[in-house]
Amino acid sequence: MNKKMIIYILGKMLGVEGALLLIPALVSLIYGEKTGVSFLIVAAVLGVIFLIFGRKKPKNSRIYGKEGFAIVGLAWILWSLFGSIPFVITGSVPNYIDAFFETVSGFTTTGSTILQEIESLPMGINFWRCFTHWIGGMGVLVFVMMVTSLGDENAMPLMRAEVPGPESDKLVPKARSTAKILYQMYFVLTAAEVVLLMFGGMNLYDALVHSFSTAGTGGFSNRNSSVAFYDSAYIDGVITVFMILFGINFNLYFLLLLKNWKSVLKNEELRAYLGIIAAAVAVITVNILSIYENVFHAFRYASFQVASVITTTGFYTADFELWPELSKVVLLTIMFIGACAGSTGGGIKVCRFVILCKSIRQEIRKILHPNVVTMVKINGKKVSNDTMRGINTFFAAYIFILVMSVLIVSVDNFDFATSFSGVLTTINNVGPGISKVGPVENFHMFSPLSKLVFCFDMLVGRLEIFPYLLLLSPDLWRRRF
């Protein structure tokens, strides 16, 4: 374990966060708010940490997979610990555990909140709150790789540990170049949404914060009633489309740039993702038709909520807690599934479900035809045994953490729907759940212990379990591994 290199990269990473805090400080200055000082204080502290730990690279600078997982797991915790301080200093969220919850929810792009009043927050604080979604959407370490001189031999272990999905592929031979390409596409899509939202009547500030939250598939808004505040079919449509776009594997956008349309159109995960969305929208539209004036309105609200839930964004334009049970069950189901691997969305990932379904079908064929030779393939390629083992382990760990978290949260004595959906929505990085954590409610009423459990679930869900399981393993920290 190269502990000196871990400390060096973490120091460099905290320096980057300090630089990012200057952006909301500038926003506060533009709007004449004194709260900008809070960002400068934290930025200065992080700058000092960077100068002490992140300037001088150790002689032995090589890291491997174990260091990559340790760095990624610790990085997200440290960014959240320091990123929550401006909320406390300004008094926007006086309780540090609440501020930590809000910041973890931001960086992990979950969108769950403890805030009951959002519009009264300072502009700089609201900007930082939504900006954390944009930073965390593509990954904090991917961002650090793009803006620093971290060597490519050390970048890939970090990318493998942070990029969501059963496998992590490089778009180009160099991991740092991959990070730059990812963020270029990410920036272009975000900028396009900002422009389109401004065409719909949003001011620049509102367009920016909602685009940050859409891009990161997070769901924070600067409005108490989220996107419903605007009551605009155009704005609903733009955000719906971009939520779906940000839920697609970014590797496919790279293939589009290379004009490799065939591979994109034949991608099984993409087809399953779009198919699930279409089916869910159709079922819910029919199911809620009696609530709304016509098919158009039912389709508008159904498509927005389906896109928001499956991509784990968390925006809302309707209180689906008031919808029929079938619609709520459909939303709960796609909450499990989540978006595509390699996207900014959370959840278990469509790719894993596709592979799981094929694996079940393979086992059934083996039972019926014991001598037949079968293999699980996706996009024409054989799924390796290591990948299959990883997926099975992921599902087992996921269920274990889900059950244990529900048991702990149940101590607060809320109804089962509240406790279960609260855990489910945080571990899948969705945002709103059902019952007392529905779209128009929040998590403020839970105890500090439950909020810390939710924070753990959000981090575990965003980094897909293994980095934090490894952090808790004594073997990781031994000299010989």
Protein backbone atom coordinates (compact mmCIF):
# COMPACT_ATOMS: atom_id res chain seq x y z
CA MET A 1 0.00 0.00 0.00
CA ASN A 2 1.57 3.27 -1.18
CA LYS A 3 0.22 5.51 1.60
CA LYS A 4 2.40 8.50 0.68
CA MET A 5 0.99 8.54 -2.83
CA ILE A 6 -2.54 8.25 -1.46
CA ILE A 7 -1.96 11.31 0.74
CA TYR A 8 -0.37 13.18 -2.19
CA ILE A 9 -3.33 12.58 -4.53
CA LEU A 10 -5.85 13.40 -1.81
CA GLY A 11 -3.97 16.65 -1.09
CA LYS A 12 -4.03 17.54 -4.79
CA MET A 13 -7.72 16.66 -4.96
CA LEU A 14 -8.58 18.92 -2.00
CA GLY A 15 -6.68 21.73 -3.70
CA VAL A 16 -8.94 21.33 -6.73
CA GLU A 17 -12.02 21.53 -4.49
CA GLY A 18 -10.63 24.72 -2.98
CA ALA A 19 -10.32 26.22 -6.46
CA LEU A 20 -13.89 25.17 -7.32
CA LEU A 21 -15.20 26.92 -4.19
CA LEU A 22 -14.05 30.23 -5.71
CA ILE A 23 -16.86 29.91 -8.29
CA PRO A 24 -19.78 30.13 -5.81
CA ALA A 25 -17.76 32.82 -3.99
CA LEU A 26 -17.83 34.82 -7.25
CA VAL A 27 -21.58 34.19 -7.61
CA SER A 28 -22.06 35.56 -4.08
CA LEU A 29 -20.01 38.63 -5.01
CA ILE A 30 -22.07 39.22 -8.16
CA TYR A 31 -25.29 39.16 -6.12
CA GLY A 32 -23.80 41.31 -3.35
CA GLU A 33 -23.94 38.59 -0.68
CA LYS A 34 -21.61 38.44 2.32
CA THR A 35 -21.92 34.65 2.36
CA GLY A 36 -19.14 34.47 -0.24
CA VAL A 37 -16.65 34.82 2.62
CA SER A 38 -17.57 31.30 3.81
CA PHE A 39 -16.40 29.83 0.52
CA LEU A 40 -13.17 31.82 0.66
CA ILE A 41 -12.42 30.58 4.19
CA VAL A 42 -12.84 26.94 3.20
CA ALA A 43 -10.92 27.52 -0.05
CA ALA A 44 -8.02 28.99 1.94
CA VAL A 45 -7.95 25.99 4.30
CA LEU A 46 -7.95 23.58 1.37
CA GLY A 47 -5.23 25.63 -0.30
CA VAL A 48 -3.02 25.19 2.76
CA ILE A 49 -3.70 21.43 2.78
CA PHE A 50 -2.75 21.30 -0.89
CA LEU A 51 0.52 23.17 -0.26
CA ILE A 52 1.46 20.79 2.56
CA PHE A 53 0.40 17.45 1.05
CA GLY A 54 -0.26 17.92 -2.67
CA ARG A 55 2.82 19.70 -4.02
CA LYS A 56 5.70 17.25 -3.68
CA LYS A 57 5.22 13.91 -5.41
CA PRO A 58 6.69 10.89 -3.53
CA LYS A 59 9.62 9.08 -5.12
CA ASN A 60 7.55 5.93 -5.39
CA SER A 61 4.58 7.32 -7.33
CA ARG A 62 3.08 4.08 -8.66
CA ILE A 63 -0.38 3.06 -7.54
CA TYR A 64 -2.46 -0.01 -8.30
CA GLY A 65 -6.05 -1.10 -7.97
CA LYS A 66 -6.07 -1.26 -4.16
CA GLU A 67 -4.75 2.30 -3.86
CA GLY A 68 -7.24 3.41 -6.52
CA PHE A 69 -10.19 2.11 -4.51
CA ALA A 70 -8.83 3.63 -1.28
CA ILE A 71 -8.26 7.05 -2.89
CA VAL A 72 -11.70 7.14 -4.51
CA GLY A 73 -13.50 6.08 -1.35
CA LEU A 74 -11.67 8.60 0.84
CA ALA A 75 -11.86 11.38 -1.76
CA TRP A 76 -15.66 11.44 -1.85
CA ILE A 77 -15.84 11.53 1.95
CA LEU A 78 -13.27 14.34 2.23
CA TRP A 79 -14.90 16.44 -0.50
CA SER A 80 -18.23 16.11 1.30
CA LEU A 81 -16.74 16.90 4.73
CA PHE A 82 -15.15 20.13 3.49
CA GLY A 83 -17.88 20.98 0.99
CA SER A 84 -20.48 21.04 3.76
CA ILE A 85 -18.67 23.70 5.82
CA PRO A 86 -20.03 26.76 3.89
CA PHE A 87 -23.59 25.63 4.71
CA VAL A 88 -22.74 25.71 8.43
CA ILE A 89 -20.73 28.96 8.40
CA THR A 90 -23.52 30.86 6.61
CA GLY A 91 -26.21 29.36 8.86
CA SER A 92 -28.05 27.97 5.84
CA VAL A 93 -27.82 24.52 7.44
CA PRO A 94 -26.68 25.08 11.06
CA ASN A 95 -26.43 21.38 11.98
CA TYR A 96 -23.25 19.83 10.59
CA ILE A 97 -24.74 16.35 10.10
CA ASP A 98 -27.58 17.92 8.10
CA ALA A 99 -25.04 19.92 6.08
CA PHE A 100 -22.99 16.76 5.49
CA PHE A 101 -26.14 14.94 4.36
CA GLU A 102 -26.96 17.75 1.91
CA THR A 103 -23.42 17.82 0.53
CA VAL A 104 -23.13 14.04 0.16
CA SER A 105 -26.50 14.11 -1.59
CA GLY A 106 -25.09 16.79 -3.89
CA PHE A 107 -21.79 15.16 -4.83
CA THR A 108 -23.33 11.70 -5.19
CA THR A 109 -26.05 13.26 -7.39
CA THR A 110 -28.78 11.80 -5.18
CA GLY A 111 -30.87 14.92 -4.70
CA SER A 112 -32.39 13.93 -1.35
CA THR A 113 -32.61 16.94 0.96
CA ILE A 114 -33.26 17.96 4.55
CA LEU A 115 -34.16 21.54 3.56
CA GLN A 116 -37.78 22.61 3.93
CA GLU A 117 -37.23 26.09 2.53
CA ILE A 118 -34.94 26.45 -0.48
CA GLU A 119 -35.81 29.74 -2.17
CA SER A 120 -34.67 31.78 0.84
CA LEU A 121 -31.13 30.36 0.64
CA PRO A 122 -28.39 32.77 -0.51
CA MET A 123 -27.74 32.65 -4.26
CA GLY A 124 -24.14 31.52 -3.73
CA ILE A 125 -25.20 28.66 -1.45
CA ASN A 126 -27.90 27.49 -3.86
CA PHE A 127 -25.41 27.67 -6.70
CA TRP A 128 -22.85 25.57 -4.78
CA ARG A 129 -25.57 23.11 -3.80
CA CYS A 130 -26.48 22.46 -7.46
CA PHE A 131 -22.89 22.78 -8.71
CA THR A 132 -21.94 19.78 -6.55
CA HIS A 133 -24.25 17.72 -8.78
CA TRP A 134 -22.38 18.78 -11.91
CA ILE A 135 -18.98 18.01 -10.36
CA GLY A 136 -20.07 14.66 -8.95
CA GLY A 137 -21.99 13.59 -12.03
CA MET A 138 -18.95 12.59 -14.03
CA GLY A 139 -16.92 11.83 -10.90
CA VAL A 140 -14.72 13.99 -8.69
CA LEU A 141 -11.58 12.00 -9.49
CA VAL A 142 -12.30 12.08 -13.23
CA PHE A 143 -12.50 15.88 -12.85
CA VAL A 144 -9.20 15.96 -10.94
CA MET A 145 -7.56 13.80 -13.62
CA MET A 146 -8.66 16.25 -16.29
CA VAL A 147 -7.35 19.41 -14.61
CA THR A 148 -4.13 18.10 -13.04
CA SER A 149 -0.95 16.47 -14.28
CA LEU A 150 -1.67 13.09 -12.72
CA GLY A 151 0.20 10.50 -14.77
CA ASP A 152 -1.77 8.15 -17.00
CA GLU A 153 -0.28 5.07 -15.31
CA ASN A 154 -1.99 6.22 -12.09
CA ALA A 155 -5.17 7.52 -13.68
CA MET A 156 -6.67 4.23 -14.84
CA PRO A 157 -6.87 2.61 -11.35
CA LEU A 158 -8.81 5.69 -10.22
CA MET A 159 -11.13 5.60 -13.23
CA ARG A 160 -11.83 1.89 -12.74
CA ALA A 161 -12.78 2.54 -9.12
CA GLU A 162 -15.00 5.54 -9.82
CA VAL A 163 -16.75 5.12 -13.19
CA PRO A 164 -20.09 3.34 -12.64
CA GLY A 165 -20.86 0.04 -14.33
CA PRO A 166 -19.71 -3.60 -14.32
CA GLU A 167 -16.70 -2.67 -16.47
CA SER A 168 -14.74 0.52 -17.09
CA ASP A 169 -13.59 1.08 -20.67
CA LYS A 170 -11.20 3.70 -21.95
CA LEU A 171 -12.33 5.70 -24.99
CA VAL A 172 -8.72 6.24 -26.01
CA PRO A 173 -5.45 4.57 -24.91
CA LYS A 174 -4.65 7.23 -22.29
CA ALA A 175 -6.98 7.45 -19.27
CA ARG A 176 -6.31 11.17 -18.77
CA SER A 177 -7.27 11.84 -22.39
CA THR A 178 -10.41 9.80 -21.77
CA ALA A 179 -11.28 12.05 -18.84
CA LYS A 180 -10.89 15.14 -21.04
CA ILE A 181 -13.09 13.68 -23.79
CA LEU A 182 -15.76 12.74 -21.24
CA TYR A 183 -15.82 16.25 -19.80
CA GLN A 184 -15.86 17.89 -23.23
CA MET A 185 -19.01 15.95 -24.12
CA TYR A 186 -20.41 16.62 -20.66
CA PHE A 187 -19.79 20.36 -21.00
CA VAL A 188 -21.32 20.58 -24.49
CA LEU A 189 -24.52 18.81 -23.41
CA THR A 190 -24.77 21.02 -20.30
CA ALA A 191 -24.25 24.21 -22.33
CA ALA A 192 -26.88 23.10 -24.86
CA GLU A 193 -29.43 22.60 -22.08
CA VAL A 194 -28.65 26.01 -20.56
CA VAL A 195 -29.35 27.70 -23.91
CA LEU A 196 -32.58 25.77 -24.51
CA LEU A 197 -33.88 26.48 -20.99
CA MET A 198 -33.21 30.19 -21.47
CA PHE A 199 -35.27 30.04 -24.67
CA GLY A 200 -38.08 28.73 -22.47
CA GLY A 201 -38.02 31.82 -20.25
CA MET A 202 -35.57 30.84 -17.49
CA ASN A 203 -33.02 33.42 -16.45
CA LEU A 204 -29.33 32.50 -16.71
CA TYR A 205 -28.99 31.61 -13.01
CA ASP A 206 -32.00 29.28 -13.00
CA ALA A 207 -30.94 27.70 -16.29
CA LEU A 208 -27.45 27.04 -14.94
CA VAL A 209 -28.51 25.43 -11.65
CA HIS A 210 -31.15 23.25 -13.31
CA SER A 211 -28.72 22.21 -16.05
CA PHE A 212 -26.11 21.33 -13.41
CA SER A 213 -28.66 19.13 -11.68
CA THR A 214 -29.85 17.55 -14.92
CA ALA A 215 -26.33 16.86 -16.16
CA GLY A 216 -25.36 15.21 -12.89
CA THR A 217 -28.77 13.51 -12.75
CA GLY A 218 -29.05 14.91 -9.24
CA GLY A 219 -32.30 16.86 -8.97
CA PHE A 220 -31.52 19.82 -6.69
CA SER A 221 -33.46 22.93 -7.65
CA ASN A 222 -33.45 26.50 -6.38
CA ARG A 223 -37.26 26.31 -6.22
CA ASN A 224 -39.29 24.79 -3.40
CA SER A 225 -41.61 23.08 -5.91
CA SER A 226 -38.75 21.93 -8.17
CA VAL A 227 -39.44 22.12 -11.92
CA ALA A 228 -43.21 22.28 -11.21
CA PHE A 229 -42.61 25.95 -10.29
CA TYR A 230 -42.34 26.90 -13.97
CA ASP A 231 -45.51 25.08 -15.08
CA SER A 232 -44.15 24.97 -18.65
CA ALA A 233 -44.61 22.07 -21.06
CA TYR A 234 -41.56 23.33 -22.99
CA ILE A 235 -39.26 23.36 -19.93
CA ASP A 236 -40.61 19.96 -18.86
CA GLY A 237 -39.87 18.59 -22.33
CA VAL A 238 -36.32 19.99 -22.49
CA ILE A 239 -35.38 18.64 -19.07
CA THR A 240 -37.03 15.26 -19.82
CA VAL A 241 -34.98 14.84 -22.98
CA PHE A 242 -31.71 15.85 -21.30
CA MET A 243 -32.32 13.61 -18.29
CA ILE A 244 -32.64 10.68 -20.69
CA LEU A 245 -29.55 11.79 -22.64
CA PHE A 246 -27.42 12.03 -19.49
CA GLY A 247 -28.60 8.55 -18.50
CA ILE A 248 -26.97 7.04 -21.61
CA ASN A 249 -23.46 5.57 -21.60
CA PHE A 250 -21.08 8.35 -22.68
CA ASN A 251 -19.05 5.82 -24.67
CA LEU A 252 -21.94 5.80 -27.15
CA TYR A 253 -21.63 9.54 -27.70
CA PHE A 254 -17.98 9.01 -28.50
CA LEU A 255 -18.97 6.36 -31.05
CA LEU A 256 -21.40 8.86 -32.57
CA LEU A 257 -18.55 11.36 -32.93
CA LEU A 258 -16.66 8.63 -34.82
CA LYS A 259 -19.83 8.10 -36.95
CA ASN A 260 -20.05 4.50 -35.79
CA TRP A 261 -23.85 4.49 -35.92
CA LYS A 262 -24.09 0.72 -36.28
CA SER A 263 -22.54 -0.01 -32.90
CA VAL A 264 -24.76 2.56 -31.20
CA LEU A 265 -27.99 1.25 -32.75
CA LYS A 266 -27.09 -2.35 -31.88
CA ASN A 267 -26.14 -1.58 -28.28
CA GLU A 268 -28.29 -3.87 -26.15
CA GLU A 269 -28.16 -1.76 -23.01
CA LEU A 270 -29.31 1.35 -24.88
CA ARG A 271 -32.20 -0.51 -26.49
CA ALA A 272 -33.24 -2.00 -23.13
CA TYR A 273 -32.96 1.43 -21.45
CA LEU A 274 -35.14 3.17 -24.03
CA GLY A 275 -37.54 0.21 -24.08
CA ILE A 276 -38.02 0.32 -20.31
CA ILE A 277 -38.66 4.08 -20.47
CA ALA A 278 -41.22 3.68 -23.28
CA ALA A 279 -43.04 0.85 -21.50
CA ALA A 280 -43.12 2.66 -18.14
CA VAL A 281 -44.38 5.90 -19.74
CA ALA A 282 -47.12 4.03 -21.63
CA VAL A 283 -48.35 2.17 -18.53
CA ILE A 284 -48.34 5.24 -16.28
CA THR A 285 -49.94 7.48 -18.92
CA VAL A 286 -52.90 5.10 -19.20
CA ASN A 287 -53.05 4.61 -15.42
CA ILE A 288 -53.19 8.36 -14.58
CA LEU A 289 -55.35 9.41 -17.52
CA SER A 290 -58.38 9.91 -15.26
CA ILE A 291 -56.44 12.40 -13.09
CA TYR A 292 -55.47 14.78 -15.89
CA GLU A 293 -57.41 16.70 -18.52
CA ASN A 294 -56.26 14.79 -21.58
CA VAL A 295 -53.71 12.29 -22.93
CA PHE A 296 -51.16 15.04 -23.62
CA HIS A 297 -51.09 16.18 -19.98
CA ALA A 298 -50.95 12.60 -18.70
CA PHE A 299 -48.08 11.81 -21.09
CA ARG A 300 -46.25 15.01 -20.14
CA TYR A 301 -46.24 14.25 -16.41
CA ALA A 302 -45.70 10.50 -16.84
CA SER A 303 -42.69 10.93 -19.14
CA PHE A 304 -41.07 13.53 -16.88
CA GLN A 305 -41.43 11.43 -13.73
CA VAL A 306 -40.27 8.23 -15.47
CA ALA A 307 -37.19 9.98 -16.92
CA SER A 308 -36.46 11.56 -13.53
CA VAL A 309 -36.69 8.28 -11.62
CA ILE A 310 -34.92 5.88 -14.01
CA THR A 311 -32.04 8.31 -14.51
CA THR A 312 -32.06 8.90 -10.72
CA THR A 313 -32.32 12.66 -11.23
CA GLY A 314 -35.07 13.38 -8.73
CA PHE A 315 -36.79 16.43 -10.24
CA TYR A 316 -40.57 16.39 -10.08
CA THR A 317 -43.46 18.18 -11.74
CA ALA A 318 -46.22 16.20 -10.01
CA ASP A 319 -46.72 14.59 -6.62
CA PHE A 320 -46.72 10.94 -7.72
CA GLU A 321 -47.53 9.96 -4.14
CA LEU A 322 -51.13 10.84 -5.15
CA TRP A 323 -51.05 8.62 -8.24
CA PRO A 324 -52.65 5.12 -8.37
CA GLU A 325 -50.71 2.25 -6.82
CA LEU A 326 -49.75 0.75 -10.20
CA SER A 327 -47.95 3.93 -11.20
CA LYS A 328 -46.08 4.07 -7.90
CA VAL A 329 -45.04 0.42 -8.21
CA VAL A 330 -43.75 1.04 -11.75
CA LEU A 331 -41.71 4.02 -10.52
CA LEU A 332 -40.38 1.98 -7.59
CA THR A 333 -39.36 -0.79 -10.01
CA ILE A 334 -37.42 1.46 -12.37
CA MET A 335 -35.87 3.09 -9.28
CA PHE A 336 -34.13 -0.26 -8.75
CA ILE A 337 -32.94 -0.47 -12.35
CA GLY A 338 -31.42 2.98 -12.81
CA ALA A 339 -29.65 4.34 -15.87
CA CYS A 340 -26.95 2.95 -18.18
CA ALA A 341 -23.43 2.03 -17.11
CA GLY A 342 -20.94 4.79 -17.91
CA SER A 343 -23.59 7.52 -17.53
CA THR A 344 -24.04 10.10 -14.79
CA GLY A 345 -27.10 8.20 -13.53
CA GLY A 346 -27.24 5.95 -10.49
CA GLY A 347 -29.08 2.72 -9.73
CA ILE A 348 -28.06 -0.87 -10.27
CA LYS A 349 -27.65 -0.15 -14.02
CA VAL A 350 -29.56 -1.49 -17.01
CA CYS A 351 -26.50 -3.42 -18.19
CA ARG A 352 -26.44 -5.55 -15.05
CA PHE A 353 -30.13 -6.41 -15.43
CA VAL A 354 -29.64 -7.35 -19.08
CA ILE A 355 -26.76 -9.65 -18.15
CA LEU A 356 -28.73 -11.08 -15.21
CA CYS A 357 -31.73 -11.87 -17.42
CA LYS A 358 -29.48 -13.57 -19.98
CA SER A 359 -27.77 -15.52 -17.21
CA ILE A 360 -31.14 -16.79 -15.93
CA ARG A 361 -32.14 -17.79 -19.46
CA GLN A 362 -28.82 -19.60 -19.87
CA GLU A 363 -29.36 -21.59 -16.67
CA ILE A 364 -32.88 -22.58 -17.80
CA ARG A 365 -31.47 -23.81 -21.13
CA LYS A 366 -28.83 -25.86 -19.29
CA ILE A 367 -31.51 -27.50 -17.18
CA LEU A 368 -33.56 -28.38 -20.27
CA HIS A 369 -30.53 -29.35 -22.37
CA PRO A 370 -27.67 -30.47 -20.05
CA ASN A 371 -25.20 -31.07 -22.88
CA VAL A 372 -25.67 -27.77 -24.69
CA VAL A 373 -22.75 -25.31 -24.66
CA THR A 374 -24.00 -21.81 -23.90
CA MET A 375 -22.46 -18.49 -22.97
CA VAL A 376 -23.78 -15.09 -21.96
CA LYS A 377 -23.10 -12.42 -24.56
CA ILE A 378 -23.83 -8.71 -24.66
CA ASN A 379 -23.34 -6.63 -27.81
CA GLY A 380 -21.95 -9.78 -29.46
CA LYS A 381 -19.14 -10.16 -26.90
CA LYS A 382 -18.85 -12.89 -24.31
CA VAL A 383 -19.32 -11.73 -20.74
CA SER A 384 -16.21 -12.86 -18.85
CA ASN A 385 -16.42 -15.05 -15.77
CA ASP A 386 -14.83 -12.27 -13.73
CA THR A 387 -17.56 -9.85 -14.80
CA MET A 388 -20.28 -12.40 -14.00
CA ARG A 389 -18.75 -13.05 -10.58
CA GLY A 390 -18.52 -9.31 -9.96
CA ILE A 391 -22.18 -8.80 -10.87
CA ASN A 392 -23.33 -11.65 -8.61
CA THR A 393 -21.22 -10.29 -5.75
CA PHE A 394 -22.57 -6.79 -6.37
CA PHE A 395 -26.18 -7.99 -6.13
CA ALA A 396 -25.47 -9.93 -2.93
CA ALA A 397 -23.72 -6.96 -1.31
CA TYR A 398 -26.46 -4.60 -2.53
CA ILE A 399 -29.23 -6.66 -0.94
CA PHE A 400 -27.26 -7.06 2.31
CA ILE A 401 -26.62 -3.30 2.64
CA LEU A 402 -30.23 -2.53 1.69
CA VAL A 403 -31.64 -4.87 4.36
CA MET A 404 -29.23 -3.73 7.09
CA SER A 405 -29.87 -0.07 6.33
CA VAL A 406 -33.66 -0.55 6.48
CA LEU A 407 -33.28 -2.30 9.85
CA ILE A 408 -31.24 0.58 11.31
CA VAL A 409 -33.48 3.31 9.86
CA SER A 410 -36.56 1.49 11.18
CA VAL A 411 -35.47 2.45 14.70
CA ASP A 412 -36.96 5.90 13.93
CA ASN A 413 -40.35 4.12 13.83
CA PHE A 414 -41.66 5.49 10.55
CA ASP A 415 -43.90 3.34 8.37
CA PHE A 416 -42.27 0.64 6.24
CA ALA A 417 -42.85 2.49 2.94
CA THR A 418 -40.98 5.51 4.32
CA SER A 419 -38.06 3.55 5.74
CA PHE A 420 -37.70 1.19 2.78
CA SER A 421 -38.08 3.78 0.02
CA GLY A 422 -35.80 6.17 1.96
CA VAL A 423 -33.01 3.61 1.87
CA LEU A 424 -33.82 2.54 -1.68
CA THR A 425 -33.83 6.08 -3.05
CA THR A 426 -30.51 6.95 -1.36
CA ILE A 427 -28.63 3.77 -2.26
CA ASN A 428 -29.83 4.20 -5.86
CA ASN A 429 -29.08 7.97 -5.80
CA VAL A 430 -32.63 8.83 -6.90
CA GLY A 431 -33.72 11.56 -4.44
CA PRO A 432 -37.43 11.32 -3.64
CA GLY A 433 -39.06 8.12 -2.43
CA ILE A 434 -42.65 7.46 -1.43
CA SER A 435 -44.80 8.08 1.66
CA LYS A 436 -43.09 10.56 4.04
CA VAL A 437 -40.06 10.91 1.72
CA GLY A 438 -42.18 11.49 -1.39
CA PRO A 439 -41.47 14.20 -3.98
CA VAL A 440 -42.96 17.05 -1.94
CA GLU A 441 -41.43 15.81 1.35
CA ASN A 442 -37.82 15.39 2.53
CA PHE A 443 -35.51 13.70 5.05
CA HIS A 444 -35.41 16.36 7.79
CA MET A 445 -37.41 14.29 10.31
CA PHE A 446 -34.95 11.40 10.54
CA SER A 447 -32.53 11.01 13.44
CA PRO A 448 -28.81 11.83 13.07
CA LEU A 449 -28.01 8.11 13.02
CA SER A 450 -30.43 7.47 10.14
CA LYS A 451 -29.06 10.46 8.23
CA LEU A 452 -25.53 9.04 8.55
CA VAL A 453 -26.83 5.67 7.31
CA PHE A 454 -28.38 7.46 4.34
CA CYS A 455 -25.05 9.23 3.70
CA PHE A 456 -23.28 5.88 3.68
CA ASP A 457 -25.92 4.48 1.32
CA MET A 458 -25.55 7.44 -1.04
CA LEU A 459 -21.77 7.05 -1.17
CA VAL A 460 -22.00 3.28 -1.55
CA GLY A 461 -24.59 3.66 -4.32
CA ARG A 462 -22.59 6.26 -6.25
CA LEU A 463 -19.34 4.28 -6.15
CA GLU A 464 -21.12 0.94 -6.51
CA ILE A 465 -20.32 -0.60 -3.14
CA PHE A 466 -16.83 -2.09 -3.57
CA PRO A 467 -14.63 0.95 -2.72
CA TYR A 468 -16.29 1.25 0.68
CA LEU A 469 -16.32 -2.47 1.37
CA LEU A 470 -12.59 -2.44 0.67
CA LEU A 471 -12.07 0.61 2.91
CA LEU A 472 -13.63 -1.36 5.76
CA SER A 473 -11.36 -4.35 5.10
CA PRO A 474 -8.23 -4.55 7.32
CA ASP A 475 -6.42 -6.37 4.49
CA LEU A 476 -6.45 -3.21 2.37
CA TRP A 477 -4.21 -1.34 4.81
CA ARG A 478 -1.59 -4.01 5.32
CA ARG A 479 1.87 -3.46 3.90
CA ARG A 480 1.67 -6.67 1.94
CA PHE A 481 -1.51 -7.35 0.02
